[in-house]
Amino acid sequence: MARPKRGWNSHQLRLRALPHFARMRREEPFREANKAEWHTAADHIAGHVGWYSVAGMRADWDCRLIHFATTDQAEAMQRWIAASGIETRPKPGAYDGAQLTFAGGKTS
């Protein structure tokens, strides 16, 4: 007996609606300021809901894919990535604040 096809999930629907993408090649995490900067650039190019970001898969495993509805938007984002140099910025440093302890324990 053939099983009926499952419905589309929201991730698949979003990728279908936004087929064009820009690649941001970077494995390390971003600092919060850098993350906010590229989010603002994507918002400026395509509006708040006009883009979608996912981690690259298969051949693009070392990059972040930023999906857009049109080729022009994806190319504009790719130009911004190249001009800003965001791919080569330093990663966040180690946490240097107070450490949490358990009851009766000593800080390290």
Protein backbone atom coordinates (compact mmCIF):
# COMPACT_ATOMS: atom_id res chain seq x y z
CA MET A 1 0.00 0.00 0.00
CA ALA A 2 1.45 3.35 -1.06
CA ARG A 3 1.85 5.93 1.65
CA PRO A 4 0.66 9.45 0.93
CA LYS A 5 3.35 12.12 0.56
CA ARG A 6 4.00 14.07 3.69
CA GLY A 7 3.35 17.80 3.57
CA TRP A 8 6.07 20.39 3.18
CA ASN A 9 7.68 21.73 6.32
CA SER A 10 8.31 25.44 6.91
CA HIS A 11 12.04 25.16 6.16
CA GLN A 12 11.39 23.59 2.74
CA LEU A 13 8.74 26.18 1.92
CA ARG A 14 11.09 29.02 2.86
CA LEU A 15 13.91 27.63 0.69
CA ARG A 16 11.53 27.26 -2.26
CA ALA A 17 10.35 30.85 -1.87
CA LEU A 18 13.94 32.15 -1.66
CA PRO A 19 15.94 30.19 -4.26
CA HIS A 20 18.91 32.56 -4.77
CA PHE A 21 21.68 32.81 -2.20
CA ALA A 22 24.93 34.51 -1.23
CA ARG A 23 27.77 32.55 0.38
CA MET A 24 29.56 33.74 3.48
CA ARG A 25 32.59 31.48 3.97
CA ARG A 26 33.35 31.27 7.68
CA GLU A 27 33.53 28.38 10.15
CA GLU A 28 34.11 30.30 13.40
CA PRO A 29 31.23 31.93 15.27
CA PHE A 30 30.63 35.66 14.86
CA ARG A 31 30.87 38.32 17.51
CA GLU A 32 27.43 39.68 18.35
CA ALA A 33 28.25 43.06 16.74
CA ASN A 34 29.33 41.38 13.47
CA LYS A 35 26.25 39.16 13.48
CA ALA A 36 24.01 42.20 13.98
CA GLU A 37 25.86 44.02 11.18
CA TRP A 38 25.26 41.37 8.53
CA HIS A 39 21.65 40.90 9.68
CA THR A 40 21.15 44.66 9.23
CA ALA A 41 22.73 44.50 5.76
CA ALA A 42 20.39 41.66 4.76
CA ASP A 43 17.41 43.60 6.16
CA HIS A 44 18.47 46.65 4.16
CA ILE A 45 18.76 44.62 0.94
CA ALA A 46 15.61 42.50 1.19
CA GLY A 47 13.52 43.69 4.11
CA HIS A 48 13.02 42.03 7.46
CA VAL A 49 11.28 38.90 6.13
CA GLY A 50 12.85 38.81 2.65
CA TRP A 51 15.88 36.66 3.51
CA TYR A 52 16.68 33.39 5.26
CA SER A 53 20.01 32.12 6.56
CA VAL A 54 21.09 28.47 6.87
CA ALA A 55 24.36 26.63 7.38
CA GLY A 56 25.82 25.26 4.17
CA MET A 57 25.56 21.57 3.42
CA ARG A 58 27.45 19.13 1.20
CA ALA A 59 29.82 21.19 -0.98
CA ASP A 60 29.11 24.37 1.00
CA TRP A 61 29.77 22.89 4.45
CA ASP A 62 32.18 25.66 5.51
CA CYS A 63 29.89 28.60 4.82
CA ARG A 64 26.59 30.22 5.66
CA LEU A 65 24.04 30.52 2.86
CA ILE A 66 21.87 33.64 2.92
CA HIS A 67 18.81 33.04 0.71
CA PHE A 68 16.96 35.77 -1.20
CA ALA A 69 14.01 35.94 -3.59
CA THR A 70 15.90 37.53 -6.52
CA THR A 71 19.32 37.24 -8.08
CA ASP A 72 19.88 40.99 -7.67
CA GLN A 73 19.40 40.76 -3.90
CA ALA A 74 21.78 37.80 -3.62
CA GLU A 75 24.41 39.59 -5.70
CA ALA A 76 24.05 42.76 -3.63
CA MET A 77 24.61 40.75 -0.45
CA GLN A 78 27.62 38.99 -1.99
CA ARG A 79 29.10 42.40 -2.88
CA TRP A 80 28.49 43.61 0.68
CA ILE A 81 30.22 40.52 2.11
CA ALA A 82 33.27 41.13 -0.10
CA ALA A 83 33.40 44.87 0.64
CA SER A 84 32.91 44.57 4.41
CA GLY A 85 35.53 41.87 4.98
CA ILE A 86 33.24 40.19 7.50
CA GLU A 87 34.51 36.72 6.60
CA THR A 88 38.00 37.47 7.96
CA ARG A 89 37.10 39.30 11.16
CA PRO A 90 38.30 37.81 14.47
CA LYS A 91 36.15 35.36 16.37
CA PRO A 92 34.88 36.16 19.88
CA GLY A 93 37.38 35.77 22.69
CA ALA A 94 37.08 33.48 25.68
CA TYR A 95 34.73 34.52 28.46
CA ASP A 96 36.61 36.44 31.15
CA GLY A 97 33.81 37.21 33.63
CA ALA A 98 32.75 35.75 36.97
CA GLN A 99 32.27 31.98 37.08
CA LEU A 100 29.21 30.26 38.50
CA THR A 101 29.71 27.92 41.45
CA PHE A 102 27.66 25.28 43.18
CA ALA A 103 26.59 25.50 46.82
CA GLY A 104 29.59 25.40 49.09
CA GLY A 105 32.06 25.10 46.23
CA LYS A 106 35.07 27.23 45.52
CA THR A 107 35.65 29.20 42.37
CA SER A 108 38.38 28.02 40.09
